Amino acid sequence: MCLEFAVAKYPVTLRLRDGKECTVRLLEPGDAARLHEFLLAVPEEERLFIKPRVTSRLVRQWCRQSRPEENLTLVMVHEDRIIGEATLHQRPGGWKRHIGKVTVLTHPQYRGLDVAKLLVKELLEIAPHCGLERLEAELNGERTVAIRALMQLGFEQLARIPGYLRDMRFRPHDYVLLGVRLVTDEEYAAALG
């Protein structure tokens, strides 16, 4: 399995639910200003998984030090504006090295158009090429649209712990863990014959 093969198809053009054509591609060093603007437009409670405070310096570093074998970030662009971001986080070792983690954000003006769903669908196609067997997504309970989109793609709720998370103002939020088992190339080939 080869990551380079899996990402060679990018950029690709996809159509949103309302017919808008968008480009999905890998995050690039020149995306820093657009990505920063995008992240600031997303409500804070949806960015809880980003541990440090979002600053232009942090975003520049994120774009410059892209290591797809650890954190593969796809962005969706419409009219030169980032409207969605999804990252496949991988662990280089340890007992969960076969499990990738997915994070996804959608610009508020593009909600309900399947942005998150389309981006995660792309990551579901890439993940088996990374040797991953499962994907997980950790969300706070208020992210009902993202949770529903992930469940439509085959994720199931593995855990929900009320009040487990705290935001920057120390307000409690439910912790939701979703997971999906991936079909590897070997399993797919065995099923065919």
Protein backbone atom coordinates (compact mmCIF):
# COMPACT_ATOMS: atom_id res chain seq x y z
CA MET A 1 0.00 0.00 0.00
CA CYS A 2 1.36 3.38 -0.93
CA LEU A 3 0.32 6.83 0.23
CA GLU A 4 1.86 8.49 -2.84
CA PHE A 5 -0.43 6.41 -5.06
CA ALA A 6 -3.49 7.32 -2.99
CA VAL A 7 -2.89 11.08 -3.19
CA ALA A 8 -1.68 11.22 -6.80
CA LYS A 9 -5.24 11.94 -8.00
CA TYR A 10 -5.37 15.36 -6.29
CA PRO A 11 -6.52 17.96 -7.06
CA VAL A 12 -10.01 16.74 -7.94
CA THR A 13 -13.20 18.64 -8.69
CA LEU A 14 -16.31 17.70 -6.73
CA ARG A 15 -19.83 19.07 -6.80
CA LEU A 16 -21.62 20.18 -3.65
CA ARG A 17 -25.27 19.41 -2.99
CA ASP A 18 -26.29 22.82 -4.41
CA GLY A 19 -24.29 22.26 -7.62
CA LYS A 20 -21.25 24.43 -6.79
CA GLU A 21 -18.00 22.99 -8.14
CA CYS A 22 -15.16 22.85 -5.62
CA THR A 23 -11.59 21.64 -5.70
CA VAL A 24 -10.29 19.13 -3.16
CA ARG A 25 -6.53 19.04 -2.80
CA LEU A 26 -3.71 18.58 -0.33
CA LEU A 27 -2.88 21.47 1.99
CA GLU A 28 -0.05 23.59 0.55
CA PRO A 29 2.46 26.02 2.14
CA GLY A 30 0.78 28.93 0.31
CA ASP A 31 -2.56 28.19 2.02
CA ALA A 32 -1.63 29.80 5.36
CA ALA A 33 -3.64 33.04 5.04
CA ARG A 34 -6.71 31.27 3.58
CA LEU A 35 -6.56 28.52 6.23
CA HIS A 36 -6.24 31.04 9.06
CA GLU A 37 -9.26 32.99 7.76
CA PHE A 38 -11.21 29.72 7.49
CA LEU A 39 -10.34 28.56 11.02
CA LEU A 40 -11.36 31.89 12.54
CA ALA A 41 -14.76 31.63 10.78
CA VAL A 42 -15.46 28.22 12.35
CA PRO A 43 -17.10 28.52 15.80
CA GLU A 44 -14.72 27.94 18.72
CA GLU A 45 -16.65 24.96 20.12
CA GLU A 46 -16.07 23.15 16.82
CA ARG A 47 -12.30 23.74 17.03
CA LEU A 48 -11.88 22.15 20.46
CA PHE A 49 -9.58 19.43 19.09
CA ILE A 50 -7.01 22.06 18.02
CA LYS A 51 -5.01 22.23 21.23
CA PRO A 52 -3.04 25.48 20.84
CA ARG A 53 -4.83 28.78 20.24
CA VAL A 54 -5.27 29.41 16.51
CA THR A 55 -2.80 32.10 15.44
CA SER A 56 -1.43 33.05 12.03
CA ARG A 57 1.99 31.76 13.18
CA LEU A 58 0.55 28.35 14.14
CA VAL A 59 -1.25 28.10 10.78
CA ARG A 60 1.87 29.07 8.80
CA GLN A 61 3.81 26.36 10.66
CA TRP A 62 1.03 23.83 10.00
CA CYS A 63 1.10 24.58 6.26
CA ARG A 64 4.92 24.62 6.01
CA GLN A 65 5.63 21.50 8.01
CA SER A 66 3.14 19.22 6.34
CA ARG A 67 4.03 15.53 6.82
CA PRO A 68 1.30 13.55 5.03
CA GLU A 69 2.55 10.24 6.47
CA GLU A 70 1.57 11.59 9.91
CA ASN A 71 -1.09 14.25 9.29
CA LEU A 72 -2.56 14.29 5.81
CA THR A 73 -4.71 17.40 5.37
CA LEU A 74 -7.19 17.87 2.55
CA VAL A 75 -8.82 21.21 1.89
CA MET A 76 -11.90 22.02 -0.15
CA VAL A 77 -11.65 25.29 -2.07
CA HIS A 78 -14.47 27.30 -3.67
CA GLU A 79 -13.61 30.52 -5.51
CA ASP A 80 -10.12 30.67 -3.92
CA ARG A 81 -11.60 30.33 -0.41
CA ILE A 82 -11.09 27.32 1.87
CA ILE A 83 -14.55 26.07 2.83
CA GLY A 84 -13.62 22.75 4.44
CA GLU A 85 -10.68 20.95 5.98
CA ALA A 86 -10.22 17.31 6.93
CA THR A 87 -7.11 15.69 8.37
CA LEU A 88 -6.12 12.03 8.68
CA HIS A 89 -3.89 11.73 11.76
CA GLN A 90 -1.68 8.64 11.95
CA ARG A 91 0.44 7.22 14.75
CA PRO A 92 3.93 6.01 13.82
CA GLY A 93 3.90 3.30 16.50
CA GLY A 94 2.22 2.02 19.61
CA TRP A 95 -0.84 -0.06 20.30
CA LYS A 96 -3.14 2.15 18.17
CA ARG A 97 -0.85 2.46 15.12
CA HIS A 98 -3.46 0.66 12.98
CA ILE A 99 -6.13 3.26 13.88
CA GLY A 100 -6.21 6.65 12.19
CA LYS A 101 -8.02 9.67 13.58
CA VAL A 102 -10.13 11.98 11.44
CA THR A 103 -10.81 15.64 12.17
CA VAL A 104 -13.07 17.74 9.96
CA LEU A 105 -14.33 21.33 9.85
CA THR A 106 -16.76 23.15 7.54
CA HIS A 107 -17.09 26.89 6.97
CA PRO A 108 -20.40 28.10 8.48
CA GLN A 109 -21.59 29.56 5.15
CA TYR A 110 -21.26 26.14 3.48
CA ARG A 111 -23.15 24.00 5.99
CA GLY A 112 -25.69 21.49 4.71
CA LEU A 113 -23.92 21.10 1.36
CA ASP A 114 -22.01 17.87 2.20
CA VAL A 115 -18.59 19.52 2.53
CA ALA A 116 -17.55 17.40 5.54
CA LYS A 117 -19.08 14.27 4.06
CA LEU A 118 -17.19 14.64 0.76
CA LEU A 119 -13.88 15.33 2.51
CA VAL A 120 -14.19 12.37 4.90
CA LYS A 121 -15.20 10.14 1.99
CA GLU A 122 -11.87 11.04 0.37
CA LEU A 123 -10.01 10.16 3.59
CA LEU A 124 -11.85 6.82 3.74
CA GLU A 125 -10.37 6.03 0.31
CA ILE A 126 -6.86 7.11 1.33
CA ALA A 127 -6.69 5.42 4.77
CA PRO A 128 -6.30 1.77 3.63
CA HIS A 129 -3.28 2.85 1.53
CA CYS A 130 -1.67 3.97 4.80
CA GLY A 131 -2.01 0.49 6.32
CA LEU A 132 -4.84 1.58 8.60
CA GLU A 133 -7.57 -0.85 9.63
CA ARG A 134 -9.88 1.53 11.50
CA LEU A 135 -10.67 5.24 11.69
CA GLU A 136 -11.91 7.15 14.71
CA ALA A 137 -13.35 10.61 15.15
CA GLU A 138 -13.56 12.43 18.46
CA LEU A 139 -16.14 15.19 18.64
CA ASN A 140 -17.97 17.25 21.19
CA GLY A 141 -21.67 16.43 21.39
CA GLU A 142 -22.85 19.73 19.89
CA ARG A 143 -21.42 18.80 16.51
CA THR A 144 -24.60 16.98 15.51
CA VAL A 145 -24.28 17.71 11.76
CA ALA A 146 -20.72 16.34 11.64
CA ILE A 147 -21.73 13.31 13.71
CA ARG A 148 -24.65 12.61 11.37
CA ALA A 149 -22.41 12.98 8.27
CA LEU A 150 -19.86 10.55 9.69
CA MET A 151 -22.55 8.02 10.59
CA GLN A 152 -23.91 8.23 7.04
CA LEU A 153 -20.42 7.18 5.89
CA GLY A 154 -20.44 4.07 8.10
CA PHE A 155 -19.04 5.39 11.38
CA GLU A 156 -20.80 4.17 14.52
CA GLN A 157 -20.88 5.62 17.99
CA LEU A 158 -18.37 3.81 20.21
CA ALA A 159 -18.77 6.02 23.28
CA ARG A 160 -20.55 9.09 24.58
CA ILE A 161 -19.52 10.58 27.92
CA PRO A 162 -21.64 13.51 29.15
CA GLY A 163 -19.73 16.59 30.35
CA TYR A 164 -16.32 14.96 29.80
CA LEU A 165 -14.74 17.78 27.74
CA ARG A 166 -14.00 21.37 28.75
CA ASP A 167 -13.67 24.29 26.33
CA MET A 168 -11.38 27.31 26.78
CA ARG A 169 -13.93 28.88 29.14
CA PHE A 170 -14.12 25.63 31.15
CA ARG A 171 -17.69 24.89 30.04
CA PRO A 172 -18.53 21.15 29.87
CA HIS A 173 -19.26 19.35 26.60
CA ASP A 174 -20.17 15.74 25.85
CA TYR A 175 -17.38 13.59 24.41
CA VAL A 176 -18.40 11.46 21.41
CA LEU A 177 -16.15 8.76 19.93
CA LEU A 178 -17.11 7.40 16.52
CA GLY A 179 -15.35 4.60 14.65
CA VAL A 180 -15.41 2.68 11.40
CA ARG A 181 -13.64 -0.50 10.31
CA LEU A 182 -11.91 -0.17 6.93
CA VAL A 183 -11.88 -2.82 4.26
CA THR A 184 -8.25 -3.42 3.30
CA ASP A 185 -7.13 -4.26 -0.24
CA GLU A 186 -6.39 -7.84 0.86
CA GLU A 187 -9.92 -8.31 2.26
CA TYR A 188 -11.44 -6.75 -0.86
CA ALA A 189 -9.43 -9.08 -3.12
CA ALA A 190 -10.35 -12.14 -1.00
CA ALA A 191 -14.05 -11.25 -1.19
CA LEU A 192 -13.88 -11.12 -5.00
CA GLY A 193 -12.46 -14.45 -5.31
